[in-house]
N, C-alpha and C. Protein backbone atom coordinates (compact mmCIF):
# COMPACT_ATOMS: atom_id res chain seq x y z
N UNK A 1 -80.86 35.09 -86.02
CA UNK A 1 -82.01 34.21 -86.48
C UNK A 1 -82.22 32.71 -86.91
N UNK A 2 -83.10 32.32 -86.32
CA UNK A 2 -83.23 30.34 -86.30
C UNK A 2 -83.46 30.10 -87.73
N UNK A 3 -82.39 28.95 -88.10
CA UNK A 3 -82.63 28.52 -89.14
C UNK A 3 -83.38 26.93 -89.55
N UNK A 4 -84.04 26.40 -90.15
CA UNK A 4 -84.22 24.82 -90.79
C UNK A 4 -84.00 24.70 -92.07
N UNK A 5 -83.17 23.23 -92.12
CA UNK A 5 -82.22 22.78 -93.20
C UNK A 5 -83.66 22.10 -93.74
N UNK A 6 -83.07 22.37 -94.53
CA UNK A 6 -83.87 21.33 -95.73
C UNK A 6 -83.13 21.37 -96.85
N UNK A 7 -83.03 19.97 -96.72
CA UNK A 7 -81.55 19.13 -97.72
C UNK A 7 -82.33 18.69 -98.69
N UNK A 8 -81.55 18.20 -99.64
CA UNK A 8 -81.45 17.32 -101.00
C UNK A 8 -81.44 16.06 -100.80
N UNK A 9 -81.94 14.43 -101.49
CA UNK A 9 -81.30 13.80 -101.35
C UNK A 9 -80.43 13.58 -101.60
N UNK A 10 -79.54 14.56 -102.71
CA UNK A 10 -78.28 14.56 -102.93
C UNK A 10 -77.15 14.84 -102.45
N UNK A 11 -77.59 16.31 -100.65
CA UNK A 11 -76.96 15.67 -100.14
C UNK A 11 -76.73 14.86 -99.04
N UNK A 12 -77.27 13.84 -98.94
CA UNK A 12 -76.91 13.04 -97.99
C UNK A 12 -75.89 11.96 -98.27
N UNK A 13 -75.85 11.46 -97.28
CA UNK A 13 -74.87 10.13 -96.88
C UNK A 13 -72.79 11.26 -97.90
N UNK A 14 -72.55 12.15 -98.36
CA UNK A 14 -71.21 13.09 -97.95
C UNK A 14 -70.55 13.44 -97.23
N UNK A 15 -70.83 13.26 -95.78
CA UNK A 15 -69.86 13.01 -95.13
C UNK A 15 -69.57 14.54 -94.50
N UNK A 16 -70.66 14.64 -93.53
CA UNK A 16 -70.17 15.75 -92.64
C UNK A 16 -71.50 15.25 -91.02
N UNK A 17 -71.15 15.37 -89.70
CA UNK A 17 -71.90 14.84 -89.03
C UNK A 17 -72.25 14.10 -89.07
N UNK A 18 -73.07 13.06 -88.83
CA UNK A 18 -73.91 11.85 -88.87
C UNK A 18 -74.08 11.08 -90.82
N UNK A 19 -73.35 12.02 -92.11
CA UNK A 19 -73.77 11.55 -93.52
C UNK A 19 -74.54 12.37 -93.97
N UNK A 20 -74.96 13.35 -93.33
CA UNK A 20 -76.31 13.65 -93.62
C UNK A 20 -75.98 14.50 -94.62
N UNK A 21 -75.02 15.51 -94.50
CA UNK A 21 -74.84 17.25 -94.48
C UNK A 21 -72.94 16.82 -95.82
N UNK A 22 -72.75 17.95 -96.98
CA UNK A 22 -71.76 17.99 -97.32
C UNK A 22 -70.46 18.24 -96.32
N UNK A 23 -69.66 17.64 -96.98
CA UNK A 23 -68.50 18.11 -95.69
C UNK A 23 -68.24 19.41 -95.44
N UNK A 24 -68.27 19.75 -94.21
CA UNK A 24 -67.51 21.39 -93.85
C UNK A 24 -68.60 22.31 -93.28
N UNK A 25 -70.52 21.09 -94.03
CA UNK A 25 -71.34 22.91 -92.96
C UNK A 25 -71.36 22.25 -92.50
N UNK A 26 -71.02 22.23 -90.85
CA UNK A 26 -71.87 22.84 -89.69
C UNK A 26 -70.26 23.34 -89.07
N UNK A 27 -68.55 22.82 -89.61
CA UNK A 27 -67.47 24.02 -89.60
C UNK A 27 -68.04 24.94 -89.85
N UNK A 28 -68.42 25.17 -91.14
CA UNK A 28 -68.02 27.12 -91.35
C UNK A 28 -69.52 27.83 -91.10
N UNK A 29 -70.37 26.97 -90.65
CA UNK A 29 -71.11 28.08 -90.01
C UNK A 29 -70.69 28.56 -88.18
N UNK A 30 -70.05 26.83 -87.65
CA UNK A 30 -69.86 26.98 -86.06
C UNK A 30 -68.79 28.00 -86.44
N UNK A 31 -67.81 28.24 -87.37
CA UNK A 31 -66.75 29.47 -87.50
C UNK A 31 -67.27 30.69 -87.71
N UNK A 32 -68.68 30.88 -87.94
CA UNK A 32 -68.61 32.21 -88.35
C UNK A 32 -69.04 33.04 -87.16
N UNK A 33 -68.97 34.47 -87.01
CA UNK A 33 -69.67 35.41 -85.49
C UNK A 33 -71.07 35.00 -85.72
N UNK A 34 -71.55 34.17 -84.91
CA UNK A 34 -72.90 34.81 -84.25
C UNK A 34 -73.85 33.81 -84.64
N UNK A 35 -73.00 32.52 -85.36
CA UNK A 35 -73.11 31.06 -85.36
C UNK A 35 -73.52 29.93 -84.21
N UNK A 36 -74.28 29.65 -84.39
CA UNK A 36 -75.04 28.87 -83.42
C UNK A 36 -75.18 27.44 -83.22
N UNK A 37 -74.88 26.29 -83.42
CA UNK A 37 -75.12 24.90 -83.15
C UNK A 37 -75.07 24.36 -82.04
N UNK A 38 -77.11 24.03 -81.91
CA UNK A 38 -77.00 23.16 -80.48
C UNK A 38 -76.59 22.03 -80.31
N UNK A 39 -77.75 20.95 -79.55
CA UNK A 39 -78.06 19.77 -79.70
C UNK A 39 -78.85 19.49 -80.85
N UNK A 40 -78.52 19.47 -81.64
CA UNK A 40 -79.41 18.92 -83.05
C UNK A 40 -78.65 17.69 -83.95
N UNK A 41 -79.61 17.12 -84.54
CA UNK A 41 -79.02 16.67 -85.12
C UNK A 41 -79.35 16.36 -87.14
N UNK A 42 -78.68 16.02 -88.01
CA UNK A 42 -79.41 16.38 -89.61
C UNK A 42 -80.23 14.41 -89.53
N UNK A 43 -80.72 14.45 -90.10
CA UNK A 43 -81.61 13.09 -89.81
C UNK A 43 -83.04 13.36 -91.16
N UNK A 44 -83.01 12.25 -91.58
CA UNK A 44 -83.63 12.53 -93.15
C UNK A 44 -85.65 12.44 -92.39
N UNK A 45 -85.84 13.25 -93.14
CA UNK A 45 -87.62 14.16 -93.11
C UNK A 45 -88.32 12.99 -92.25
N UNK A 46 -89.74 13.37 -91.51
CA UNK A 46 -90.45 12.40 -91.19
C UNK A 46 -91.59 12.95 -91.95
N UNK A 47 -91.19 13.61 -92.86
CA UNK A 47 -92.63 14.77 -93.56
C UNK A 47 -92.15 14.39 -95.00
N UNK A 48 -91.38 13.74 -95.71
CA UNK A 48 -91.68 13.83 -97.10
C UNK A 48 -90.05 13.57 -97.08
N UNK A 49 -89.13 13.73 -98.83
CA UNK A 49 -88.31 13.84 -98.81
C UNK A 49 -87.80 15.18 -98.22
N UNK A 50 -86.25 14.60 -98.14
CA UNK A 50 -85.04 14.97 -98.23
C UNK A 50 -84.91 15.08 -96.29
N UNK A 51 -84.70 16.15 -95.62
CA UNK A 51 -84.11 16.05 -94.68
C UNK A 51 -83.88 17.04 -93.54
N UNK A 52 -83.99 16.83 -91.78
CA UNK A 52 -84.11 17.74 -91.07
C UNK A 52 -83.28 18.19 -90.05
N UNK A 53 -83.64 18.86 -89.01
CA UNK A 53 -83.25 19.36 -87.18
C UNK A 53 -83.68 18.05 -86.32
N UNK A 54 -82.86 17.45 -85.93
CA UNK A 54 -83.79 16.94 -85.07
C UNK A 54 -82.54 16.96 -83.23
N UNK A 55 -83.62 16.88 -82.34
CA UNK A 55 -82.99 17.58 -80.85
C UNK A 55 -82.12 15.88 -80.40
N UNK A 56 -81.02 16.06 -79.92
CA UNK A 56 -80.37 15.17 -79.80
C UNK A 56 -80.42 15.17 -77.89
N UNK A 57 -81.10 15.99 -77.61
CA UNK A 57 -81.68 16.12 -75.88
C UNK A 57 -82.55 16.49 -75.84
N UNK A 58 -82.72 16.86 -74.18
CA UNK A 58 -84.13 17.77 -73.65
C UNK A 58 -83.70 19.26 -73.88
N UNK A 59 -84.41 19.38 -73.96
CA UNK A 59 -84.54 21.70 -73.89
C UNK A 59 -85.64 21.92 -73.76
N UNK A 60 -85.33 23.27 -73.16
CA UNK A 60 -86.08 23.90 -72.23
C UNK A 60 -87.19 25.06 -73.30
N UNK A 61 -88.08 25.03 -72.87
CA UNK A 61 -88.63 26.53 -73.63
C UNK A 61 -87.24 27.50 -74.10
N UNK A 62 -87.28 28.33 -74.97
CA UNK A 62 -86.72 29.54 -75.16
C UNK A 62 -84.95 28.93 -75.27
N UNK A 63 -84.32 28.01 -75.18
CA UNK A 63 -83.61 27.31 -75.12
C UNK A 63 -82.95 27.64 -77.33
N UNK A 64 -81.99 28.21 -77.41
CA UNK A 64 -81.68 28.16 -78.78
C UNK A 64 -80.71 26.80 -79.33
N UNK A 65 -81.54 27.06 -80.50
CA UNK A 65 -81.14 25.15 -80.47
C UNK A 65 -80.42 25.45 -81.73
N UNK A 66 -80.36 26.47 -83.17
CA UNK A 66 -79.61 26.97 -84.61
C UNK A 66 -80.42 27.78 -84.69
N UNK A 67 -78.87 28.54 -84.87
CA UNK A 67 -78.70 30.38 -85.67
C UNK A 67 -77.96 30.32 -86.52
N UNK A 68 -78.47 31.10 -87.41
CA UNK A 68 -77.36 31.89 -88.68
C UNK A 68 -77.00 32.84 -88.24
N UNK A 69 -75.57 33.96 -88.32
CA UNK A 69 -75.83 34.93 -88.46
C UNK A 69 -75.89 35.70 -90.08
N UNK A 70 -76.42 36.56 -89.65
CA UNK A 70 -77.08 37.19 -90.81
C UNK A 70 -76.12 37.26 -91.94
N UNK A 71 -74.79 37.64 -91.95
CA UNK A 71 -74.10 37.71 -93.01
C UNK A 71 -74.00 35.82 -93.92
N UNK A 72 -74.21 35.22 -93.22
CA UNK A 72 -73.91 34.07 -94.15
C UNK A 72 -76.01 33.45 -95.00
N UNK A 73 -76.32 34.33 -94.27
CA UNK A 73 -77.90 34.60 -95.24
C UNK A 73 -77.71 34.66 -96.75
N UNK A 74 -78.09 34.16 -97.55
CA UNK A 74 -78.34 34.38 -99.51
C UNK A 74 -79.57 34.75 -99.69
N UNK A 75 -80.02 36.41 -99.30
CA UNK A 75 -81.16 37.30 -99.82
C UNK A 75 -80.76 37.85 -100.64
N UNK A 76 -81.93 38.52 -100.74
CA UNK A 76 -81.94 39.51 -102.39
C UNK A 76 -80.84 40.79 -101.86
N UNK A 77 -81.41 41.17 -100.45
CA UNK A 77 -80.46 42.49 -99.65
C UNK A 77 -78.95 41.95 -100.30
N UNK A 78 -78.46 40.98 -99.69
CA UNK A 78 -77.32 40.53 -100.08
C UNK A 78 -76.37 40.37 -101.27
N UNK A 79 -77.70 39.95 -102.32
CA UNK A 79 -77.05 39.77 -104.09
C UNK A 79 -77.02 41.35 -104.04
N UNK A 80 -77.77 42.09 -103.76
CA UNK A 80 -77.74 43.49 -103.97
C UNK A 80 -76.49 44.31 -103.86
N UNK A 81 -76.00 43.65 -102.44
CA UNK A 81 -74.68 44.61 -101.49
C UNK A 81 -73.62 43.71 -102.18
N UNK A 82 -73.25 42.84 -103.44
CA UNK A 82 -72.11 42.26 -104.25
C UNK A 82 -71.50 43.53 -104.35
N UNK A 83 -69.90 43.78 -104.24
CA UNK A 83 -69.70 44.75 -104.47
C UNK A 83 -69.59 43.90 -106.36
N UNK A 84 -69.44 43.14 -106.91
CA UNK A 84 -69.78 42.88 -108.29
C UNK A 84 -70.51 42.88 -108.65
N UNK A 85 -71.42 42.61 -108.24
CA UNK A 85 -72.77 42.30 -109.42
C UNK A 85 -73.94 42.99 -108.91
N UNK A 86 -73.49 43.43 -107.40
CA UNK A 86 -74.94 44.47 -107.06
C UNK A 86 -75.80 45.14 -108.55
N UNK A 87 -75.31 45.72 -108.62
CA UNK A 87 -75.62 46.48 -109.76
C UNK A 87 -76.72 46.26 -110.47
N UNK A 88 -75.54 44.99 -111.41
CA UNK A 88 -76.25 44.55 -112.44
C UNK A 88 -77.77 43.51 -111.55
N UNK A 89 -77.56 43.22 -110.96
CA UNK A 89 -78.27 42.04 -109.54
C UNK A 89 -79.68 43.00 -109.58
N UNK A 90 -79.28 44.51 -109.08
CA UNK A 90 -80.73 45.31 -109.16
C UNK A 90 -81.56 45.74 -110.47
N UNK A 91 -81.07 45.64 -111.02
CA UNK A 91 -81.56 45.92 -112.58
C UNK A 91 -82.26 44.76 -112.68
N UNK A 92 -81.51 43.45 -112.92
CA UNK A 92 -82.51 42.58 -113.33
C UNK A 92 -83.30 42.57 -112.14
N UNK A 93 -83.68 42.40 -111.03
CA UNK A 93 -83.86 42.20 -110.22
C UNK A 93 -86.39 43.31 -110.75
N UNK A 94 -85.89 44.66 -110.75
CA UNK A 94 -86.63 45.88 -111.26
C UNK A 94 -87.46 44.99 -112.82
N UNK A 95 -86.60 44.74 -113.57
CA UNK A 95 -87.42 44.18 -115.27
C UNK A 95 -87.37 42.60 -114.73
N UNK A 96 -87.12 41.67 -113.93
CA UNK A 96 -87.61 39.93 -114.26
C UNK A 96 -87.69 39.99 -112.55
N UNK A 97 -88.28 40.62 -111.63
CA UNK A 97 -88.06 39.98 -110.10
C UNK A 97 -87.00 39.76 -108.72
N UNK A 98 -87.28 40.00 -108.06
CA UNK A 98 -86.01 39.82 -106.93
C UNK A 98 -86.03 38.15 -107.14
N UNK A 99 -87.32 37.27 -107.72
CA UNK A 99 -86.34 35.45 -107.61
C UNK A 99 -85.33 35.38 -108.35
N UNK A 100 -85.78 36.12 -109.82
CA UNK A 100 -84.58 36.11 -110.72
C UNK A 100 -82.85 36.83 -110.12
N UNK A 101 -83.44 37.82 -109.17
CA UNK A 101 -81.81 38.49 -109.06
C UNK A 101 -81.84 37.04 -108.02
N UNK A 102 -82.60 36.74 -106.94
CA UNK A 102 -81.17 35.82 -106.14
C UNK A 102 -80.70 34.77 -106.76
N UNK A 103 -81.85 34.28 -107.96
CA UNK A 103 -81.12 33.12 -108.25
C UNK A 103 -79.78 33.54 -109.57
N UNK A 104 -79.55 34.67 -109.76
CA UNK A 104 -78.14 34.78 -110.23
C UNK A 104 -77.53 35.07 -109.10
N UNK A 105 -78.02 35.49 -108.28
CA UNK A 105 -76.57 35.02 -107.03
C UNK A 105 -75.96 34.37 -106.94
N UNK A 106 -76.99 33.31 -106.60
CA UNK A 106 -76.70 31.54 -106.17
C UNK A 106 -76.27 31.61 -106.91
N UNK A 107 -76.39 31.67 -108.35
CA UNK A 107 -75.82 31.06 -109.73
C UNK A 107 -74.18 31.30 -109.75
N UNK A 108 -74.48 32.63 -109.42
CA UNK A 108 -72.38 33.34 -109.43
C UNK A 108 -71.39 32.66 -107.75
N UNK A 109 -72.57 32.44 -107.36
CA UNK A 109 -71.77 32.16 -105.52
C UNK A 109 -71.52 30.21 -106.43
N UNK A 110 -71.77 29.58 -106.70
CA UNK A 110 -72.01 28.04 -107.20
C UNK A 110 -70.63 28.02 -108.20
N UNK A 111 -70.89 29.09 -109.05
CA UNK A 111 -69.86 29.49 -109.84
C UNK A 111 -68.35 29.36 -109.28
N UNK A 112 -68.28 30.65 -108.61
CA UNK A 112 -66.84 31.05 -107.92
C UNK A 112 -66.78 29.57 -106.81
N UNK A 113 -67.06 29.02 -106.44
CA UNK A 113 -66.83 28.19 -105.15
C UNK A 113 -66.49 29.33 -103.96
N UNK A 114 -67.37 30.21 -104.06
CA UNK A 114 -67.75 30.88 -102.92
C UNK A 114 -67.72 30.98 -101.77
N UNK A 115 -66.87 31.60 -100.38
CA UNK A 115 -67.27 31.01 -99.53
C UNK A 115 -68.57 30.03 -98.14
N UNK A 116 -69.80 30.19 -98.98
CA UNK A 116 -70.74 29.42 -98.86
C UNK A 116 -71.03 28.41 -99.76
N UNK A 117 -69.92 28.31 -100.42
CA UNK A 117 -70.15 26.80 -100.84
C UNK A 117 -70.87 25.17 -99.67
N UNK A 118 -70.15 25.37 -98.74
CA UNK A 118 -70.59 24.37 -97.58
C UNK A 118 -71.62 24.35 -97.61
N UNK A 119 -72.70 25.62 -97.70
CA UNK A 119 -74.56 25.51 -97.34
C UNK A 119 -74.93 25.53 -99.12
N UNK A 120 -74.36 26.00 -100.12
CA UNK A 120 -74.86 25.78 -101.45
C UNK A 120 -74.49 24.66 -101.79
N UNK A 121 -74.12 23.84 -101.43
CA UNK A 121 -73.97 21.71 -101.61
C UNK A 121 -75.24 21.53 -101.58
N UNK A 122 -76.04 22.21 -100.35
CA UNK A 122 -77.20 21.53 -99.58
C UNK A 122 -78.46 21.56 -100.29
N UNK A 123 -78.14 22.92 -101.29
CA UNK A 123 -79.84 22.83 -102.65
C UNK A 123 -80.05 22.03 -102.84
N UNK A 124 -81.47 21.98 -103.42
CA UNK A 124 -81.31 20.87 -104.45
C UNK A 124 -81.69 21.18 -105.99
N UNK A 125 -80.87 20.46 -106.85
CA UNK A 125 -81.31 20.81 -108.40
C UNK A 125 -82.12 20.51 -108.76
N UNK A 126 -82.87 20.76 -109.47
CA UNK A 126 -83.94 20.85 -110.49
C UNK A 126 -83.26 18.73 -111.16
N UNK A 127 -83.99 17.85 -110.92
CA UNK A 127 -84.09 17.08 -111.37
C UNK A 127 -85.51 15.95 -112.07
N UNK A 128 -84.71 14.73 -112.69
CA UNK A 128 -85.95 14.04 -112.89
C UNK A 128 -86.80 13.21 -111.73
N UNK A 129 -85.44 13.38 -110.72
CA UNK A 129 -85.29 12.99 -108.84
C UNK A 129 -87.02 13.48 -108.59
N UNK A 130 -86.71 14.82 -108.79
CA UNK A 130 -87.46 15.63 -107.17
C UNK A 130 -87.95 16.60 -108.50
N UNK A 131 -88.76 16.53 -109.58
CA UNK A 131 -89.47 17.16 -110.37
C UNK A 131 -90.92 18.74 -109.48
N UNK A 132 -91.22 17.48 -107.93
CA UNK A 132 -91.89 18.74 -107.57
C UNK A 132 -91.99 19.01 -106.50
N UNK A 133 -90.48 19.79 -105.97
CA UNK A 133 -89.64 19.92 -104.93
C UNK A 133 -90.15 21.70 -105.39
N UNK A 134 -90.89 22.46 -104.10
CA UNK A 134 -91.63 23.53 -104.48
C UNK A 134 -90.34 24.30 -104.66
N UNK A 135 -89.40 24.64 -105.05
CA UNK A 135 -88.91 25.81 -105.43
C UNK A 135 -89.09 25.78 -106.67
N UNK A 136 -89.55 24.98 -107.51
CA UNK A 136 -89.27 24.82 -108.43
C UNK A 136 -91.25 25.42 -108.76
N UNK A 137 -91.86 24.86 -108.13
CA UNK A 137 -93.05 25.61 -107.80
C UNK A 137 -93.88 26.86 -109.10
N UNK A 138 -94.31 27.51 -109.89
CA UNK A 138 -94.82 28.13 -110.65
C UNK A 138 -95.76 29.39 -109.17
N UNK A 139 -96.12 30.23 -110.00
CA UNK A 139 -96.35 31.28 -108.80
C UNK A 139 -97.97 31.21 -108.58
N UNK A 140 -98.75 29.76 -109.40
CA UNK A 140 -100.13 29.34 -109.03
C UNK A 140 -99.32 28.19 -108.41
N UNK A 141 -98.81 27.66 -108.05
CA UNK A 141 -98.67 26.89 -106.93
C UNK A 141 -98.32 26.82 -105.76
């Protein structure tokens, strides 16, 4: 699976690659079986807040630029498969929806300093600095 990273402004200048990523994010990803980090760099978004991946060299149609293995993905399926929390998160999903279950899963990983911590550090936090981030939109938006 390919991925595009969207980074919060708070994750900038924290020491990985070109100063745009939390420490260890590319090292963590590159160490995972099936991961691929190609000819890309992270830079400030040209489309608004946050950052994005930009090519560092010419590529051909079909070249793999960035791949995230399924084992690294924070998904509802991963939440339900969690040996400690899966059953409770599945019940939460039934009563309050997948979004609530996924939020609980992410929160548990943040609190536990999970192996995904380098990725989790890139997620935007709700703040006065960025109250309009799409993660905080309601159903109507």
